[in-house]
Every structure is written in structure tokens, then in C-alpha cells.
PDB file of N, CA and C in Angstrom:
ATOM      1  N   MET A   1       1.120  -1.183  -0.061  1.00  0.00           N
ATOM      2  CA  MET A   1       0.066   0.082  -0.129  1.00  0.00           C
ATOM      3  C   MET A   1       0.688   1.070  -0.023  1.00  0.00           C
ATOM      4  N   ARG A   2       0.615   2.080  -0.840  1.00  0.00           N
ATOM      5  CA  ARG A   2       1.215   3.415  -0.693  1.00  0.00           C
ATOM      6  C   ARG A   2       0.769   4.296   0.212  1.00  0.00           C
ATOM      7  N   TRP A   3       1.862   5.097   1.011  1.00  0.00           N
ATOM      8  CA  TRP A   3       1.214   6.003   2.108  1.00  0.00           C
ATOM      9  C   TRP A   3       1.926   7.408   1.873  1.00  0.00           C
ATOM     10  N   SER A   4       1.254   8.503   2.118  1.00  0.00           N
ATOM     11  CA  SER A   4       1.901   9.941   2.107  1.00  0.00           C
ATOM     12  C   SER A   4       2.337  10.033   3.335  1.00  0.00           C
ATOM     13  N   VAL A   5       3.386  10.561   3.648  1.00  0.00           N
ATOM     14  CA  VAL A   5       4.356  10.643   5.054  1.00  0.00           C
ATOM     15  C   VAL A   5       5.027  12.083   5.132  1.00  0.00           C
ATOM     16  N   SER A   6       4.436  12.920   5.978  1.00  0.00           N
ATOM     17  CA  SER A   6       4.862  13.972   6.024  1.00  0.00           C
ATOM     18  C   SER A   6       5.787  14.212   7.525  1.00  0.00           C
ATOM     19  N   VAL A   7       7.108  14.631   7.234  1.00  0.00           N
ATOM     20  CA  VAL A   7       7.890  14.673   8.291  1.00  0.00           C
ATOM     21  C   VAL A   7       8.312  16.329   8.414  1.00  0.00           C
ATOM     22  N   HIS A   8       8.313  16.831   9.445  1.00  0.00           N
ATOM     23  CA  HIS A   8       9.114  18.062   9.786  1.00  0.00           C
ATOM     24  C   HIS A   8      10.052  18.191  11.064  1.00  0.00           C
ATOM     25  N   ALA A   9      10.837  18.779  10.724  1.00  0.00           N
ATOM     26  CA  ALA A   9      12.337  19.112  11.796  1.00  0.00           C
ATOM     27  C   ALA A   9      12.176  20.560  11.864  1.00  0.00           C
ATOM     28  N   GLU A  10      12.784  20.580  13.366  1.00  0.00           N
ATOM     29  CA  GLU A  10      12.875  22.191  13.590  1.00  0.00           C
ATOM     30  C   GLU A  10      14.039  22.256  14.286  1.00  0.00           C
ATOM     31  N   GLY A  11      14.917  23.518  14.242  1.00  0.00           N
ATOM     32  CA  GLY A  11      16.324  23.730  14.835  1.00  0.00           C
ATOM     33  C   GLY A  11      16.411  25.130  15.168  1.00  0.00           C
ATOM     34  N   ASP A  12      17.736  25.473  15.287  1.00  0.00           N
ATOM     35  CA  ASP A  12      17.936  26.868  15.819  1.00  0.00           C
ATOM     36  C   ASP A  12      18.134  27.906  15.140  1.00  0.00           C
ATOM     37  N   ARG A  13      17.883  27.995  13.640  1.00  0.00           N
ATOM     38  CA  ARG A  13      18.169  28.799  12.767  1.00  0.00           C
ATOM     39  C   ARG A  13      17.310  28.856  11.377  1.00  0.00           C
ATOM     40  N   THR A  14      16.981  30.102  10.604  1.00  0.00           N
ATOM     41  CA  THR A  14      16.148  29.976   9.800  1.00  0.00           C
ATOM     42  C   THR A  14      16.519  29.425   8.503  1.00  0.00           C
ATOM     43  N   ILE A  15      15.646  28.774   7.792  1.00  0.00           N
ATOM     44  CA  ILE A  15      15.942  27.804   6.575  1.00  0.00           C
ATOM     45  C   ILE A  15      16.091  28.797   5.500  1.00  0.00           C
ATOM     46  N   THR A  16      16.723  28.508   4.472  1.00  0.00           N
ATOM     47  CA  THR A  16      16.912  29.497   3.286  1.00  0.00           C
ATOM     48  C   THR A  16      16.047  28.869   2.174  1.00  0.00           C
ATOM     49  N   HIS A  17      15.842  30.109   1.450  1.00  0.00           N
ATOM     50  CA  HIS A  17      15.341  29.319  -0.099  1.00  0.00           C
ATOM     51  C   HIS A  17      16.059  28.463  -0.871  1.00  0.00           C
ATOM     52  N   ASP A  18      17.222  28.573  -0.879  1.00  0.00           N
ATOM     53  CA  ASP A  18      18.026  27.732  -1.458  1.00  0.00           C
ATOM     54  C   ASP A  18      18.223  26.170  -0.878  1.00  0.00           C
ATOM     55  N   GLU A  19      18.189  26.348   0.489  1.00  0.00           N
ATOM     56  CA  GLU A  19      18.186  24.904   1.019  1.00  0.00           C
ATOM     57  C   GLU A  19      16.668  24.328   1.191  1.00  0.00           C
ATOM     58  N   VAL A  20      15.726  25.067   0.899  1.00  0.00           N
ATOM     59  CA  VAL A  20      14.543  24.060   0.324  1.00  0.00           C
ATOM     60  C   VAL A  20      14.305  23.375  -0.976  1.00  0.00           C
ATOM     61  N   LEU A  21      15.085  24.535  -1.895  1.00  0.00           N
ATOM     62  CA  LEU A  21      15.042  24.233  -3.150  1.00  0.00           C
ATOM     63  C   LEU A  21      15.968  22.621  -3.487  1.00  0.00           C
ATOM     64  N   ARG A  22      16.959  22.635  -2.505  1.00  0.00           N
ATOM     65  CA  ARG A  22      18.002  21.608  -2.746  1.00  0.00           C
ATOM     66  C   ARG A  22      16.942  20.602  -2.015  1.00  0.00           C
ATOM     67  N   LEU A  23      16.138  20.728  -1.063  1.00  0.00           N
ATOM     68  CA  LEU A  23      15.453  19.290   0.026  1.00  0.00           C
ATOM     69  C   LEU A  23      14.235  19.125  -1.253  1.00  0.00           C
ATOM     70  N   ALA A  24      14.003  20.161  -1.768  1.00  0.00           N
ATOM     71  CA  ALA A  24      12.738  19.626  -2.940  1.00  0.00           C
ATOM     72  C   ALA A  24      13.303  19.072  -3.975  1.00  0.00           C
ATOM     73  N   ASP A  25      14.587  19.352  -4.621  1.00  0.00           N
ATOM     74  CA  ASP A  25      14.969  18.183  -5.638  1.00  0.00           C
ATOM     75  C   ASP A  25      15.333  16.849  -5.012  1.00  0.00           C
ATOM     76  N   ALA A  26      15.839  16.794  -3.823  1.00  0.00           N
ATOM     77  CA  ALA A  26      15.996  15.437  -3.315  1.00  0.00           C
ATOM     78  C   ALA A  26      14.657  14.556  -3.121  1.00  0.00           C
ATOM     79  N   VAL A  27      13.701  15.303  -2.505  1.00  0.00           N
ATOM     80  CA  VAL A  27      12.400  14.319  -2.501  1.00  0.00           C
ATOM     81  C   VAL A  27      11.500  14.232  -3.739  1.00  0.00           C
ATOM     82  N   ALA A  28      12.035  14.900  -4.955  1.00  0.00           N
ATOM     83  CA  ALA A  28      11.126  14.754  -5.932  1.00  0.00           C
ATOM     84  C   ALA A  28      11.259  13.234  -6.559  1.00  0.00           C
ATOM     85  N   VAL A  29      12.266  12.402  -5.956  1.00  0.00           N
ATOM     86  CA  VAL A  29      12.350  11.293  -6.843  1.00  0.00           C
ATOM     87  C   VAL A  29      11.373  10.069  -5.940  1.00  0.00           C
ATOM     88  N   HIS A  30      10.825  10.490  -4.460  1.00  0.00           N
ATOM     89  CA  HIS A  30      10.028   9.908  -3.581  1.00  0.00           C
ATOM     90  C   HIS A  30       8.674  10.936  -4.114  1.00  0.00           C
ATOM     91  N   GLN A  31       8.222  11.168  -5.168  1.00  0.00           N
ATOM     92  CA  GLN A  31       6.778  12.149  -5.439  1.00  0.00           C
ATOM     93  C   GLN A  31       6.833  12.909  -4.249  1.00  0.00           C
ATOM     94  N   GLY A  32       7.966  13.921  -3.856  1.00  0.00           N
ATOM     95  CA  GLY A  32       7.548  14.185  -2.919  1.00  0.00           C
ATOM     96  C   GLY A  32       7.964  16.012  -2.895  1.00  0.00           C
ATOM     97  N   VAL A  33       7.316  16.681  -1.691  1.00  0.00           N
ATOM     98  CA  VAL A  33       7.484  18.311  -1.884  1.00  0.00           C
ATOM     99  C   VAL A  33       8.289  18.422  -0.657  1.00  0.00           C
ATOM    100  N   ALA A  34       8.622  19.687  -0.434  1.00  0.00           N
ATOM    101  CA  ALA A  34       9.439  20.476   0.787  1.00  0.00           C
ATOM    102  C   ALA A  34       8.949  21.454   0.888  1.00  0.00           C
ATOM    103  N   SER A  35       9.258  21.888   2.356  1.00  0.00           N
ATOM    104  CA  SER A  35       8.517  23.289   2.910  1.00  0.00           C
ATOM    105  C   SER A  35       9.672  23.762   3.748  1.00  0.00           C
ATOM    106  N   GLY A  36       9.473  25.095   4.050  1.00  0.00           N
ATOM    107  CA  GLY A  36      10.174  25.633   5.246  1.00  0.00           C
ATOM    108  C   GLY A  36      11.165  26.784   4.800  1.00  0.00           C
ATOM    109  N   ILE A  37      10.917  27.519   3.937  1.00  0.00           N
ATOM    110  CA  ILE A  37      11.465  28.672   3.570  1.00  0.00           C
ATOM    111  C   ILE A  37      11.312  29.661   4.292  1.00  0.00           C
ATOM    112  N   GLY A  38      12.431  30.464   5.190  1.00  0.00           N
ATOM    113  CA  GLY A  38      12.243  31.437   6.087  1.00  0.00           C
ATOM    114  C   GLY A  38      11.644  31.190   7.527  1.00  0.00           C
ATOM    115  N   THR A  39      11.458  29.893   7.775  1.00  0.00           N
ATOM    116  CA  THR A  39      11.517  29.540   9.174  1.00  0.00           C
ATOM    117  C   THR A  39      12.413  28.567   9.823  1.00  0.00           C
ATOM    118  N   PRO A  40      12.343  28.399  11.009  1.00  0.00           N
ATOM    119  CA  PRO A  40      13.314  27.571  11.868  1.00  0.00           C
ATOM    120  C   PRO A  40      13.087  26.081  11.780  1.00  0.00           C
ATOM    121  N   GLY A  41      12.706  25.669  10.396  1.00  0.00           N
ATOM    122  CA  GLY A  41      12.915  24.089  10.341  1.00  0.00           C
ATOM    123  C   GLY A  41      12.369  23.983   8.707  1.00  0.00           C
ATOM    124  N   TYR A  42      12.263  22.810   8.701  1.00  0.00           N
ATOM    125  CA  TYR A  42      11.835  22.356   7.500  1.00  0.00           C
ATOM    126  C   TYR A  42      11.179  21.123   7.212  1.00  0.00           C
ATOM    127  N   GLY A  43      10.352  20.748   6.109  1.00  0.00           N
ATOM    128  CA  GLY A  43       9.702  19.472   6.135  1.00  0.00           C
ATOM    129  C   GLY A  43       9.697  18.949   4.926  1.00  0.00           C
ATOM    130  N   ALA A  44       9.128  17.356   4.964  1.00  0.00           N
ATOM    131  CA  ALA A  44       8.703  17.160   3.262  1.00  0.00           C
ATOM    132  C   ALA A  44       7.474  16.498   3.448  1.00  0.00           C
ATOM    133  N   GLN A  45       6.909  16.393   2.507  1.00  0.00           N
ATOM    134  CA  GLN A  45       5.650  14.971   2.191  1.00  0.00           C
ATOM    135  C   GLN A  45       6.343  14.134   1.129  1.00  0.00           C
ATOM    136  N   ILE A  46       6.742  12.917   1.628  1.00  0.00           N
ATOM    137  CA  ILE A  46       6.986  11.747   0.337  1.00  0.00           C
ATOM    138  C   ILE A  46       6.045  10.641   0.490  1.00  0.00           C
ATOM    139  N   VAL A  47       5.948   9.753  -0.624  1.00  0.00           N
ATOM    140  CA  VAL A  47       5.651   8.589  -0.797  1.00  0.00           C
ATOM    141  C   VAL A  47       6.053   7.564  -0.734  1.00  0.00           C
ATOM    142  N   VAL A  48       5.721   6.361   0.304  1.00  0.00           N
ATOM    143  CA  VAL A  48       6.281   5.223   0.553  1.00  0.00           C
ATOM    144  C   VAL A  48       5.592   4.201   0.497  1.00  0.00           C
ATOM    145  N   ASP A  49       6.182   3.091  -0.013  1.00  0.00           N
ATOM    146  CA  ASP A  49       5.398   1.623   0.336  1.00  0.00           C
ATOM    147  C   ASP A  49       5.499   1.174   1.575  1.00  0.00           C
ATOM    148  N   ALA A  50       4.318   0.355   2.230  1.00  0.00           N
ATOM    149  CA  ALA A  50       4.421   0.154   3.435  1.00  0.00           C
ATOM    150  C   ALA A  50       3.194  -0.767   3.617  1.00  0.00           C
ATOM    151  N   ASP A  51       2.999  -1.635   4.516  1.00  0.00           N
ATOM    152  CA  ASP A  51       1.936  -2.427   4.833  1.00  0.00           C
ATOM    153  C   ASP A  51       0.999  -2.088   5.986  1.00  0.00           C
ATOM    154  N   THR A  52       1.481  -1.277   6.734  1.00  0.00           N
ATOM    155  CA  THR A  52       1.062  -0.325   8.031  1.00  0.00           C
ATOM    156  C   THR A  52       1.528   0.902   8.100  1.00  0.00           C
ATOM    157  N   GLU A  53       0.648   1.502   8.848  1.00  0.00           N
ATOM    158  CA  GLU A  53       0.998   2.946   9.254  1.00  0.00           C
ATOM    159  C   GLU A  53       2.282   3.224  10.128  1.00  0.00           C
ATOM    160  N   PRO A  54       2.675   2.237  11.007  1.00  0.00           N
ATOM    161  CA  PRO A  54       4.070   2.427  11.733  1.00  0.00           C
ATOM    162  C   PRO A  54       5.110   2.000  11.057  1.00  0.00           C
ATOM    163  N   GLU A  55       4.451   0.902   9.676  1.00  0.00           N
ATOM    164  CA  GLU A  55       5.913   0.739   9.069  1.00  0.00           C
ATOM    165  C   GLU A  55       6.118   2.046   7.990  1.00  0.00           C
ATOM    166  N   ALA A  56       4.986   2.533   7.492  1.00  0.00           N
ATOM    167  CA  ALA A  56       5.072   3.789   6.698  1.00  0.00           C
ATOM    168  C   ALA A  56       6.004   5.066   7.461  1.00  0.00           C
ATOM    169  N   VAL A  57       5.698   5.189   8.729  1.00  0.00           N
ATOM    170  CA  VAL A  57       6.400   5.995   9.725  1.00  0.00           C
ATOM    171  C   VAL A  57       7.486   5.891   9.660  1.00  0.00           C
ATOM    172  N   GLY A  58       8.253   4.524   9.566  1.00  0.00           N
ATOM    173  CA  GLY A  58       9.638   4.449   9.829  1.00  0.00           C
ATOM    174  C   GLY A  58      10.154   4.587   8.338  1.00  0.00           C
ATOM    175  N   ARG A  59       9.584   4.254   7.582  1.00  0.00           N
ATOM    176  CA  ARG A  59      10.159   4.110   6.198  1.00  0.00           C
ATOM    177  C   ARG A  59      10.573   5.615   5.794  1.00  0.00           C
ATOM    178  N   GLY A  60       9.390   6.628   6.280  1.00  0.00           N
ATOM    179  CA  GLY A  60       9.323   7.971   5.914  1.00  0.00           C
ATOM    180  C   GLY A  60      10.371   8.396   6.660  1.00  0.00           C
ATOM    181  N   ARG A  61      10.651   8.364   7.929  1.00  0.00           N
ATOM    182  CA  ARG A  61      11.660   8.842   8.583  1.00  0.00           C
ATOM    183  C   ARG A  61      13.066   8.427   7.928  1.00  0.00           C
ATOM    184  N   VAL A  62      13.172   7.196   7.355  1.00  0.00           N
ATOM    185  CA  VAL A  62      14.525   6.940   7.137  1.00  0.00           C
ATOM    186  C   VAL A  62      14.748   7.661   5.612  1.00  0.00           C
ATOM    187  N   VAL A  63      13.912   7.873   4.551  1.00  0.00           N
ATOM    188  CA  VAL A  63      13.942   8.599   3.497  1.00  0.00           C
ATOM    189  C   VAL A  63      14.073  10.030   3.926  1.00  0.00           C
ATOM    190  N   PHE A  64      13.394  10.468   4.962  1.00  0.00           N
ATOM    191  CA  PHE A  64      13.476  11.733   5.344  1.00  0.00           C
ATOM    192  C   PHE A  64      15.171  12.311   5.564  1.00  0.00           C
ATOM    193  N   ALA A  65      15.705  11.370   6.495  1.00  0.00           N
ATOM    194  CA  ALA A  65      17.097  11.278   6.874  1.00  0.00           C
ATOM    195  C   ALA A  65      18.225  11.514   5.427  1.00  0.00           C
ATOM    196  N   GLU A  66      17.832  10.563   4.698  1.00  0.00           N
ATOM    197  CA  GLU A  66      18.267  10.274   3.410  1.00  0.00           C
ATOM    198  C   GLU A  66      18.633  11.540   2.644  1.00  0.00           C
ATOM    199  N   VAL A  67      17.374  12.140   2.321  1.00  0.00           N
ATOM    200  CA  VAL A  67      16.958  13.424   1.780  1.00  0.00           C
ATOM    201  C   VAL A  67      17.753  14.395   2.444  1.00  0.00           C
ATOM    202  N   VAL A  68      17.411  14.474   3.585  1.00  0.00           N
ATOM    203  CA  VAL A  68      18.054  15.944   4.398  1.00  0.00           C
ATOM    204  C   VAL A  68      19.548  15.874   4.565  1.00  0.00           C
ATOM    205  N   GLU A  69      20.006  14.916   4.438  1.00  0.00           N
ATOM    206  CA  GLU A  69      21.638  14.584   4.104  1.00  0.00           C
ATOM    207  C   GLU A  69      22.387  15.054   2.804  1.00  0.00           C
ATOM    208  N   GLU A  70      21.486  14.296   1.561  1.00  0.00           N
ATOM    209  CA  GLU A  70      21.282  14.704   0.643  1.00  0.00           C
ATOM    210  C   GLU A  70      21.675  16.271  -0.139  1.00  0.00           C
ATOM    211  N   ALA A  71      20.370  16.717   0.546  1.00  0.00           N
ATOM    212  CA  ALA A  71      20.309  18.232   0.775  1.00  0.00           C
ATOM    213  C   ALA A  71      21.367  19.108   1.341  1.00  0.00           C
ATOM    214  N   GLY A  72      22.051  18.633   2.101  1.00  0.00           N
ATOM    215  CA  GLY A  72      23.124  19.393   2.775  1.00  0.00           C
ATOM    216  C   GLY A  72      22.452  20.139   3.875  1.00  0.00           C
ATOM    217  N   LEU A  73      21.126  19.934   4.258  1.00  0.00           N
ATOM    218  CA  LEU A  73      20.639  20.789   5.371  1.00  0.00           C
ATOM    219  C   LEU A  73      21.052  20.245   6.848  1.00  0.00           C
ATOM    220  N   PRO A  74      20.883  21.352   7.594  1.00  0.00           N
ATOM    221  CA  PRO A  74      21.569  21.007   9.129  1.00  0.00           C
ATOM    222  C   PRO A  74      20.263  19.755   9.576  1.00  0.00           C
ATOM    223  N   GLY A  75      20.925  18.976  10.501  1.00  0.00           N
ATOM    224  CA  GLY A  75      20.315  17.695  10.952  1.00  0.00           C
ATOM    225  C   GLY A  75      19.602  18.070  12.029  1.00  0.00           C
ATOM    226  N   PHE A  76      18.593  19.091  11.791  1.00  0.00           N
ATOM    227  CA  PHE A  76      17.396  19.361  12.689  1.00  0.00           C
ATOM    228  C   PHE A  76      16.711  18.179  13.580  1.00  0.00           C
ATOM    229  N   PRO A  77      16.235  18.203  14.759  1.00  0.00           N
ATOM    230  CA  PRO A  77      15.447  17.289  15.102  1.00  0.00           C
ATOM    231  C   PRO A  77      13.912  17.017  14.654  1.00  0.00           C
ATOM    232  N   ILE A  78      13.409  16.047  14.340  1.00  0.00           N
ATOM    233  CA  ILE A  78      12.181  15.646  13.720  1.00  0.00           C
ATOM    234  C   ILE A  78      11.232  15.758  14.866  1.00  0.00           C
ATOM    235  N   VAL A  79      10.271  16.766  14.846  1.00  0.00           N
ATOM    236  CA  VAL A  79       9.056  17.308  15.598  1.00  0.00           C
ATOM    237  C   VAL A  79       7.976  16.741  15.611  1.00  0.00           C
ATOM    238  N   ARG A  80       7.805  16.227  14.049  1.00  0.00           N
ATOM    239  CA  ARG A  80       6.645  15.359  13.967  1.00  0.00           C
ATOM    240  C   ARG A  80       6.570  14.670  12.776  1.00  0.00           C
ATOM    241  N   VAL A  81       5.564  13.584  12.440  1.00  0.00           N
ATOM    242  CA  VAL A  81       5.562  12.649  11.296  1.00  0.00           C
ATOM    243  C   VAL A  81       4.098  12.231  11.467  1.00  0.00           C
ATOM    244  N   ASP A  82       3.339  11.987  10.503  1.00  0.00           N
ATOM    245  CA  ASP A  82       1.989  11.772  10.066  1.00  0.00           C
ATOM    246  C   ASP A  82       2.221  11.028   8.871  1.00  0.00           C
ATOM    247  N   ALA A  83       1.307  10.164   8.802  1.00  0.00           N
ATOM    248  CA  ALA A  83       1.140   9.227   7.466  1.00  0.00           C
ATOM    249  C   ALA A  83      -0.443   8.994   7.401  1.00  0.00           C
ATOM    250  N   ILE A  84      -0.640   9.116   5.787  1.00  0.00           N
ATOM    251  CA  ILE A  84      -2.183   8.740   5.508  1.00  0.00           C
ATOM    252  C   ILE A  84      -1.881   7.740   4.122  1.00  0.00           C
ATOM    253  N   SER A  85      -2.867   6.624   4.232  1.00  0.00           N
ATOM    254  CA  SER A  85      -2.611   5.924   3.143  1.00  0.00           C
ATOM    255  C   SER A  85      -3.100   6.755   2.295  1.00  0.00           C
ATOM    256  N   GLU A  86      -2.873   6.269   0.871  1.00  0.00           N
ATOM    257  CA  GLU A  86      -3.559   6.580  -0.520  1.00  0.00           C
ATOM    258  C   GLU A  86      -5.082   6.308  -0.374  1.00  0.00           C
ATOM    259  N   GLU A  87      -5.290   5.463   0.075  1.00  0.00           N
ATOM    260  CA  GLU A  87      -6.792   4.998   0.294  1.00  0.00           C
ATOM    261  C   GLU A  87      -7.622   5.796   0.700  1.00  0.00           C
ATOM    262  N   ALA A  88      -7.195   5.880   2.409  1.00  0.00           N
ATOM    263  CA  ALA A  88      -8.077   6.685   3.285  1.00  0.00           C
ATOM    264  C   ALA A  88      -7.810   8.216   2.640  1.00  0.00           C
ATOM    265  N   ASP A  89      -6.782   8.824   2.204  1.00  0.00           N
ATOM    266  CA  ASP A  89      -6.798   9.955   1.460  1.00  0.00           C
ATOM    267  C   ASP A  89      -7.585  10.305   0.505  1.00  0.00           C
ATOM    268  N   ALA A  90      -8.121   9.503  -0.076  1.00  0.00           N
ATOM    269  CA  ALA A  90      -8.976   9.595  -1.645  1.00  0.00           C
ATOM    270  C   ALA A  90     -10.440   9.415  -1.006  1.00  0.00           C
ATOM    271  N   ASP A  91     -10.488   8.816   0.274  1.00  0.00           N
ATOM    272  CA  ASP A  91     -12.195   8.520   0.778  1.00  0.00           C
ATOM    273  C   ASP A  91     -12.230   9.365   1.821  1.00  0.00           C
ATOM    274  N   PRO A  92     -13.086  10.462   1.952  1.00  0.00           N
ATOM    275  CA  PRO A  92     -13.025  11.670   2.993  1.00  0.00           C
ATOM    276  C   PRO A  92     -13.963  10.738   3.992  1.00  0.00           C
ATOM    277  N   ASP A  93     -14.560   9.618   3.762  1.00  0.00           N
ATOM    278  CA  ASP A  93     -15.333   8.881   4.718  1.00  0.00           C
ATOM    279  C   ASP A  93     -14.683   8.168   5.529  1.00  0.00           C
ATOM    280  N   VAL A  94     -12.963   7.661   5.293  1.00  0.00           N
ATOM    281  CA  VAL A  94     -12.234   6.730   6.026  1.00  0.00           C
ATOM    282  C   VAL A  94     -11.733   7.483   7.069  1.00  0.00           C
ATOM    283  N   VAL A  95     -11.475   7.269   8.600  1.00  0.00           N
ATOM    284  CA  VAL A  95     -11.067   7.837   9.454  1.00  0.00           C
ATOM    285  C   VAL A  95     -10.137   7.051   9.598  1.00  0.00           C
ATOM    286  N   PRO A  96      -8.633   8.105   9.575  1.00  0.00           N
ATOM    287  CA  PRO A  96      -7.386   7.066   9.916  1.00  0.00           C
ATOM    288  C   PRO A  96      -7.077   6.684  11.280  1.00  0.00           C
TER     289      PRO A  96
END
């Protein structure tokens, strides 16, 4: 099953436009988007394959760490991770 995983990290300095662009380039291969310009943190929403939500969260964390390193961003601590299956996201009546 495919899951959309949102991961957000926060730290002690403002993230620049160029840094978020590098993160966006790194997450693109994971059908991802990046955020965080002008804020004290950065985030990404990526797509992973997993059987369960906990597995999706774990894979999302691993991919996030890889793309953050690839983009050369500071290793801020992760403060939030959310996952929703594509099935649940497509059906507003499904409660995750």
C-alpha cells in the first residue's frame, strides 16, 4: 500500500530559499514536496510503500534522513511525523 508521509524538523536557525530548493530536488524522486523557507525548520511530504502505518512512518523517517543529508541541510530533530494511506486520503469517509 502507498502512504503519504509528512515529516517536519525544527532547529535553531532560519532555513533559506536555496536550502528548501535543494530539499525539494532530493524529495522529487519520492514524489515529494518540501517546505520551510524562512522558518526555523523544514519539512517534506513523501510517498512510501508499506503494509501498515507504523511501517510507513519508519520508512518515511529513513527517507527523510537520507534526503536531508543529500540536500546538505542541518540535522535538526524531527518534531512531527504523520502518515495517511492513499486509500484513506482518497475517501473522505475513512477515518485514519
